[in-house]
């Protein structure tokens, strides 16, 4: 059951209380998440507030990652390098080769469509 006319400020307050999780905020407001998404899409003020909430969450989680890096957590260090150090070559690459390291050979494939009524297939059954 959708409630019409919930003020934008109340929606923003609920989004803040629910850390930007739209489904949880919708439940708190007593509306469907689809209804809340429609309100967000239609209101620049709510969009801006949700963006700010999500950016604040991202800042917080990045700070926790940095804490782990400072503690010497190798997984956190590698993750950070793979995400932020790509321009310095910190990327994982897969090298795909043919058998025994040989280069892959491109082959031409042909697609054939078969009419099952005129060609019943193996065993004479379709």
N, C-alpha and C. Protein backbone atom coordinates (compact mmCIF):
# COMPACT_ATOMS: atom_id res chain seq x y z
N UNK A 1 0.85 -1.18 0.00
CA UNK A 1 0.00 0.00 0.00
C UNK A 1 0.90 1.24 0.00
N UNK A 2 0.84 2.00 -1.07
CA UNK A 2 1.70 3.18 -1.21
C UNK A 2 1.07 4.38 -0.54
N UNK A 3 1.89 5.13 0.19
CA UNK A 3 1.44 6.38 0.80
C UNK A 3 1.84 7.52 -0.11
N UNK A 4 0.88 8.33 -0.50
CA UNK A 4 1.15 9.47 -1.38
C UNK A 4 1.56 10.67 -0.53
N UNK A 5 2.41 11.47 -1.10
CA UNK A 5 2.72 12.75 -0.49
C UNK A 5 3.69 12.73 0.67
N UNK A 6 4.55 11.75 0.76
CA UNK A 6 5.57 11.76 1.81
C UNK A 6 6.55 12.87 1.45
N UNK A 7 6.80 13.79 2.37
CA UNK A 7 7.72 14.90 2.07
C UNK A 7 9.13 14.40 1.76
N UNK A 8 9.80 15.10 0.86
CA UNK A 8 11.16 14.74 0.47
C UNK A 8 12.07 14.69 1.69
N UNK A 9 11.90 15.62 2.62
CA UNK A 9 12.74 15.65 3.82
C UNK A 9 12.61 14.37 4.64
N UNK A 10 11.39 13.85 4.73
CA UNK A 10 11.16 12.61 5.48
C UNK A 10 11.82 11.43 4.76
N UNK A 11 11.75 11.41 3.44
CA UNK A 11 12.39 10.36 2.66
C UNK A 11 13.91 10.41 2.87
N UNK A 12 14.46 11.62 2.82
CA UNK A 12 15.90 11.79 3.02
C UNK A 12 16.31 11.34 4.42
N UNK A 13 15.54 11.71 5.42
CA UNK A 13 15.84 11.28 6.80
C UNK A 13 15.86 9.76 6.90
N UNK A 14 14.90 9.10 6.25
CA UNK A 14 14.83 7.64 6.31
C UNK A 14 15.99 7.01 5.55
N UNK A 15 16.35 7.59 4.41
CA UNK A 15 17.50 7.09 3.67
C UNK A 15 18.77 7.21 4.50
N UNK A 16 18.92 8.32 5.22
CA UNK A 16 20.08 8.50 6.11
C UNK A 16 20.07 7.47 7.23
N UNK A 17 18.89 7.25 7.82
CA UNK A 17 18.77 6.30 8.93
C UNK A 17 19.07 4.87 8.47
N UNK A 18 18.78 4.58 7.22
CA UNK A 18 18.99 3.23 6.68
C UNK A 18 20.26 3.14 5.83
N UNK A 19 21.17 4.10 6.01
CA UNK A 19 22.48 4.10 5.35
C UNK A 19 22.39 4.02 3.83
N UNK A 20 21.32 4.58 3.26
CA UNK A 20 21.18 4.62 1.81
C UNK A 20 20.59 3.36 1.20
N UNK A 21 20.23 2.39 2.01
CA UNK A 21 19.62 1.17 1.48
C UNK A 21 18.15 1.45 1.18
N UNK A 22 17.85 1.52 -0.10
CA UNK A 22 16.53 1.96 -0.55
C UNK A 22 15.42 1.02 -0.09
N UNK A 23 15.64 -0.28 -0.19
CA UNK A 23 14.60 -1.22 0.22
C UNK A 23 14.27 -1.06 1.70
N UNK A 24 15.29 -0.91 2.54
CA UNK A 24 15.06 -0.72 3.97
C UNK A 24 14.35 0.60 4.25
N UNK A 25 14.75 1.64 3.53
CA UNK A 25 14.11 2.94 3.70
C UNK A 25 12.64 2.87 3.30
N UNK A 26 12.35 2.18 2.22
CA UNK A 26 10.97 2.04 1.76
C UNK A 26 10.13 1.33 2.83
N UNK A 27 10.67 0.28 3.41
CA UNK A 27 9.95 -0.43 4.48
C UNK A 27 9.68 0.51 5.65
N UNK A 28 10.70 1.30 6.02
CA UNK A 28 10.55 2.25 7.11
C UNK A 28 9.50 3.32 6.84
N UNK A 29 9.32 3.63 5.57
CA UNK A 29 8.33 4.64 5.17
C UNK A 29 6.95 4.02 4.91
N UNK A 30 6.89 2.71 4.88
CA UNK A 30 5.62 2.03 4.62
C UNK A 30 5.20 2.07 3.15
N UNK A 31 6.19 2.13 2.25
CA UNK A 31 5.91 2.12 0.82
C UNK A 31 6.74 1.02 0.16
N UNK A 32 6.44 0.74 -1.10
CA UNK A 32 7.22 -0.26 -1.82
C UNK A 32 8.55 0.34 -2.26
N UNK A 33 9.52 -0.52 -2.49
CA UNK A 33 10.80 0.00 -2.96
C UNK A 33 10.65 0.57 -4.36
N UNK A 34 9.72 0.00 -5.16
CA UNK A 34 9.49 0.55 -6.50
C UNK A 34 8.96 1.98 -6.40
N UNK A 35 8.08 2.20 -5.45
CA UNK A 35 7.53 3.54 -5.24
C UNK A 35 8.60 4.52 -4.80
N UNK A 36 9.50 4.06 -3.93
CA UNK A 36 10.57 4.93 -3.47
C UNK A 36 11.54 5.23 -4.61
N UNK A 37 11.86 4.23 -5.43
CA UNK A 37 12.74 4.48 -6.58
C UNK A 37 12.11 5.52 -7.52
N UNK A 38 10.81 5.45 -7.70
CA UNK A 38 10.13 6.45 -8.55
C UNK A 38 10.26 7.84 -7.97
N UNK A 39 10.10 7.96 -6.65
CA UNK A 39 10.25 9.26 -5.99
C UNK A 39 11.68 9.78 -6.12
N UNK A 40 12.64 8.89 -5.96
CA UNK A 40 14.05 9.29 -6.08
C UNK A 40 14.31 9.79 -7.50
N UNK A 41 13.84 9.03 -8.47
CA UNK A 41 14.06 9.39 -9.88
C UNK A 41 13.43 10.74 -10.22
N UNK A 42 12.32 11.05 -9.59
CA UNK A 42 11.58 12.27 -9.92
C UNK A 42 12.03 13.50 -9.13
N UNK A 43 12.90 13.33 -8.12
CA UNK A 43 13.22 14.45 -7.24
C UNK A 43 14.74 14.63 -7.13
N UNK A 44 15.23 15.72 -7.66
CA UNK A 44 16.68 16.00 -7.67
C UNK A 44 17.25 16.14 -6.25
N UNK A 45 16.47 16.70 -5.34
CA UNK A 45 16.94 16.87 -3.96
C UNK A 45 17.17 15.51 -3.30
N UNK A 46 16.25 14.58 -3.51
CA UNK A 46 16.41 13.24 -2.94
C UNK A 46 17.59 12.53 -3.62
N UNK A 47 17.72 12.67 -4.93
CA UNK A 47 18.84 12.07 -5.66
C UNK A 47 20.17 12.57 -5.10
N UNK A 48 20.25 13.87 -4.90
CA UNK A 48 21.48 14.47 -4.39
C UNK A 48 21.80 13.96 -2.99
N UNK A 49 20.78 13.86 -2.15
CA UNK A 49 20.98 13.38 -0.78
C UNK A 49 21.43 11.92 -0.78
N UNK A 50 20.82 11.10 -1.63
CA UNK A 50 21.20 9.69 -1.70
C UNK A 50 22.63 9.55 -2.20
N UNK A 51 23.02 10.35 -3.16
CA UNK A 51 24.39 10.34 -3.65
C UNK A 51 25.36 10.68 -2.52
N UNK A 52 25.03 11.71 -1.74
CA UNK A 52 25.88 12.12 -0.62
C UNK A 52 25.98 11.01 0.43
N UNK A 53 24.87 10.34 0.72
CA UNK A 53 24.86 9.23 1.68
C UNK A 53 25.77 8.12 1.20
N UNK A 54 25.65 7.77 -0.07
CA UNK A 54 26.46 6.69 -0.62
C UNK A 54 27.94 7.06 -0.69
N UNK A 55 28.24 8.32 -0.98
CA UNK A 55 29.63 8.77 -0.99
C UNK A 55 30.23 8.71 0.42
N UNK A 56 29.44 9.08 1.40
CA UNK A 56 29.92 9.02 2.79
C UNK A 56 30.21 7.58 3.20
N UNK A 57 29.34 6.65 2.79
CA UNK A 57 29.57 5.23 3.07
C UNK A 57 30.85 4.75 2.40
N UNK A 58 31.05 5.18 1.16
CA UNK A 58 32.25 4.79 0.43
C UNK A 58 33.50 5.34 1.10
N UNK A 59 33.45 6.60 1.53
CA UNK A 59 34.58 7.18 2.26
C UNK A 59 34.90 6.36 3.51
N UNK A 60 33.86 5.98 4.23
CA UNK A 60 34.04 5.20 5.46
C UNK A 60 34.70 3.86 5.16
N UNK A 61 34.18 3.14 4.15
CA UNK A 61 34.75 1.83 3.85
C UNK A 61 36.17 1.95 3.31
N UNK A 62 36.45 2.99 2.55
CA UNK A 62 37.82 3.21 2.09
C UNK A 62 38.75 3.47 3.27
N UNK A 63 38.26 4.20 4.27
CA UNK A 63 39.11 4.46 5.44
C UNK A 63 39.41 3.16 6.19
N UNK A 64 38.46 2.24 6.22
CA UNK A 64 38.69 0.94 6.86
C UNK A 64 39.70 0.12 6.07
N UNK A 65 39.64 0.23 4.74
CA UNK A 65 40.63 -0.45 3.90
C UNK A 65 42.02 0.09 4.18
N UNK A 66 42.13 1.40 4.27
CA UNK A 66 43.43 2.04 4.56
C UNK A 66 43.93 1.59 5.94
N UNK A 67 43.03 1.47 6.92
CA UNK A 67 43.43 0.96 8.24
C UNK A 67 44.04 -0.43 8.11
N UNK A 68 43.41 -1.30 7.31
CA UNK A 68 43.91 -2.65 7.11
C UNK A 68 45.27 -2.64 6.40
N UNK A 69 45.43 -1.75 5.44
CA UNK A 69 46.72 -1.62 4.74
C UNK A 69 47.80 -1.20 5.73
N UNK A 70 47.49 -0.23 6.59
CA UNK A 70 48.46 0.23 7.60
C UNK A 70 48.85 -0.88 8.56
N UNK A 71 47.93 -1.83 8.81
CA UNK A 71 48.22 -2.95 9.70
C UNK A 71 48.99 -4.06 8.98
N UNK A 72 49.23 -3.88 7.68
CA UNK A 72 50.00 -4.86 6.92
C UNK A 72 49.19 -6.01 6.36
N UNK A 73 47.88 -5.87 6.29
CA UNK A 73 47.02 -6.92 5.76
C UNK A 73 47.30 -7.09 4.26
N UNK A 74 47.93 -8.22 3.91
CA UNK A 74 48.36 -8.44 2.53
C UNK A 74 47.19 -8.46 1.55
N UNK A 75 46.07 -9.03 1.94
CA UNK A 75 44.89 -9.05 1.07
C UNK A 75 44.42 -7.64 0.76
N UNK A 76 44.39 -6.78 1.78
CA UNK A 76 43.97 -5.39 1.58
C UNK A 76 44.98 -4.65 0.71
N UNK A 77 46.25 -4.92 0.92
CA UNK A 77 47.29 -4.28 0.11
C UNK A 77 47.13 -4.66 -1.36
N UNK A 78 46.99 -5.95 -1.62
CA UNK A 78 46.84 -6.41 -3.00
C UNK A 78 45.57 -5.86 -3.64
N UNK A 79 44.48 -5.86 -2.90
CA UNK A 79 43.22 -5.33 -3.42
C UNK A 79 43.38 -3.87 -3.81
N UNK A 80 43.99 -3.10 -2.94
CA UNK A 80 44.19 -1.68 -3.21
C UNK A 80 45.07 -1.47 -4.45
N UNK A 81 46.14 -2.24 -4.54
CA UNK A 81 47.02 -2.10 -5.70
C UNK A 81 46.31 -2.48 -6.99
N UNK A 82 45.50 -3.54 -6.97
CA UNK A 82 44.77 -3.95 -8.18
C UNK A 82 43.75 -2.91 -8.60
N UNK A 83 43.16 -2.22 -7.62
CA UNK A 83 42.14 -1.22 -7.93
C UNK A 83 42.74 0.14 -8.27
N UNK A 84 43.69 0.59 -7.48
CA UNK A 84 44.23 1.94 -7.63
C UNK A 84 45.58 2.00 -8.32
N UNK A 85 46.24 0.85 -8.47
CA UNK A 85 47.58 0.85 -9.04
C UNK A 85 47.65 0.32 -10.46
N UNK A 86 46.52 0.24 -11.13
CA UNK A 86 46.51 -0.30 -12.50
C UNK A 86 47.45 0.47 -13.42
N UNK A 87 47.46 1.78 -13.29
CA UNK A 87 48.30 2.60 -14.16
C UNK A 87 49.79 2.35 -13.95
N UNK A 88 50.12 1.68 -12.85
CA UNK A 88 51.52 1.32 -12.58
C UNK A 88 51.79 -0.15 -12.88
N UNK A 89 50.82 -0.82 -13.46
CA UNK A 89 51.02 -2.22 -13.84
C UNK A 89 50.52 -3.24 -12.85
N UNK A 90 49.86 -2.81 -11.79
CA UNK A 90 49.36 -3.75 -10.79
C UNK A 90 48.01 -4.31 -11.25
N UNK A 91 48.07 -5.19 -12.23
CA UNK A 91 46.85 -5.82 -12.74
C UNK A 91 47.09 -7.32 -12.86
N UNK A 92 46.03 -8.07 -12.76
CA UNK A 92 46.11 -9.50 -13.01
C UNK A 92 45.71 -9.72 -14.45
N UNK A 93 46.49 -10.53 -15.13
CA UNK A 93 46.19 -10.82 -16.53
C UNK A 93 46.14 -12.33 -16.71
N UNK A 94 45.27 -12.75 -17.58
CA UNK A 94 45.24 -14.15 -17.97
C UNK A 94 45.80 -14.23 -19.37
N UNK A 95 46.74 -15.11 -19.55
CA UNK A 95 47.26 -15.34 -20.89
C UNK A 95 46.67 -16.65 -21.37
N UNK A 96 45.95 -16.56 -22.46
CA UNK A 96 45.28 -17.73 -23.00
C UNK A 96 46.04 -18.16 -24.25
N UNK A 97 46.46 -19.42 -24.23
CA UNK A 97 47.22 -19.94 -25.36
C UNK A 97 46.60 -21.24 -25.82
N UNK A 98 47.09 -21.72 -26.92
CA UNK A 98 46.69 -23.03 -27.41
C UNK A 98 47.44 -24.11 -26.65
N UNK A 99 47.38 -25.32 -27.17
CA UNK A 99 48.03 -26.46 -26.53
C UNK A 99 49.53 -26.21 -26.40
N UNK A 100 50.08 -26.52 -25.26
CA UNK A 100 51.49 -26.41 -24.96
C UNK A 100 52.08 -25.03 -25.23
N UNK A 101 51.28 -23.98 -24.96
CA UNK A 101 51.76 -22.62 -25.08
C UNK A 101 51.78 -22.05 -26.48
N UNK A 102 51.33 -22.82 -27.44
CA UNK A 102 51.29 -22.35 -28.82
C UNK A 102 50.23 -21.26 -28.96
N UNK A 103 50.38 -20.39 -29.97
CA UNK A 103 49.35 -19.37 -30.18
C UNK A 103 48.01 -20.00 -30.53
N UNK A 104 46.95 -19.32 -30.16
CA UNK A 104 45.62 -19.79 -30.53
C UNK A 104 45.45 -19.65 -32.04
N UNK A 105 44.79 -20.63 -32.62
CA UNK A 105 44.52 -20.60 -34.05
C UNK A 105 43.05 -20.29 -34.24
N UNK A 106 42.80 -19.28 -35.04
CA UNK A 106 41.40 -18.94 -35.31
C UNK A 106 40.86 -19.88 -36.38
N UNK A 107 39.68 -20.38 -36.13
CA UNK A 107 39.03 -21.23 -37.12
C UNK A 107 37.71 -20.60 -37.51
N UNK A 108 37.28 -20.93 -38.69
CA UNK A 108 36.01 -20.41 -39.19
C UNK A 108 34.93 -21.42 -38.84
N UNK A 109 33.89 -20.95 -38.18
CA UNK A 109 32.79 -21.83 -37.79
C UNK A 109 31.59 -21.52 -38.67
N UNK A 110 30.88 -22.55 -39.00
CA UNK A 110 29.68 -22.39 -39.82
C UNK A 110 28.49 -22.84 -39.01
N UNK A 111 27.44 -22.05 -38.99
CA UNK A 111 26.23 -22.39 -38.27
C UNK A 111 25.22 -22.91 -39.28
N UNK A 112 24.66 -24.08 -39.01
CA UNK A 112 23.69 -24.70 -39.90
C UNK A 112 22.39 -24.84 -39.13
N UNK A 113 21.31 -24.34 -39.71
CA UNK A 113 19.99 -24.49 -39.11
C UNK A 113 19.29 -25.65 -39.78
N UNK A 114 18.72 -26.53 -38.97
CA UNK A 114 18.06 -27.71 -39.49
C UNK A 114 16.58 -27.63 -39.18
N UNK A 115 15.76 -27.86 -40.20
CA UNK A 115 14.31 -27.92 -40.01
C UNK A 115 13.98 -29.30 -39.48
N UNK A 116 13.50 -29.39 -38.23
CA UNK A 116 13.27 -30.69 -37.61
C UNK A 116 12.18 -31.49 -38.29
N UNK A 117 11.29 -30.87 -39.05
CA UNK A 117 10.22 -31.61 -39.73
C UNK A 117 10.76 -32.34 -40.95
N UNK A 118 11.65 -31.67 -41.69
CA UNK A 118 12.19 -32.31 -42.90
C UNK A 118 13.40 -33.18 -42.58
N UNK A 119 14.07 -32.94 -41.44
CA UNK A 119 15.22 -33.72 -41.04
C UNK A 119 15.03 -34.09 -39.58
N UNK A 120 14.43 -35.26 -39.31
CA UNK A 120 14.08 -35.61 -37.92
C UNK A 120 15.25 -35.84 -37.01
N UNK A 121 16.45 -35.88 -37.49
CA UNK A 121 17.61 -36.06 -36.61
C UNK A 121 17.96 -37.50 -36.41
N UNK A 122 18.89 -37.76 -35.50
CA UNK A 122 19.35 -39.14 -35.28
C UNK A 122 18.21 -40.06 -34.84
N UNK A 123 18.21 -41.26 -35.34
CA UNK A 123 17.20 -42.24 -34.93
C UNK A 123 15.86 -42.04 -35.60
N UNK A 124 15.73 -41.05 -36.49
CA UNK A 124 14.49 -40.84 -37.22
C UNK A 124 13.39 -40.20 -36.40
N UNK A 125 13.70 -39.67 -35.21
CA UNK A 125 12.67 -39.05 -34.36
C UNK A 125 12.98 -37.57 -34.18
N UNK A 126 11.95 -36.78 -34.02
CA UNK A 126 12.16 -35.36 -33.77
C UNK A 126 11.94 -35.03 -32.33
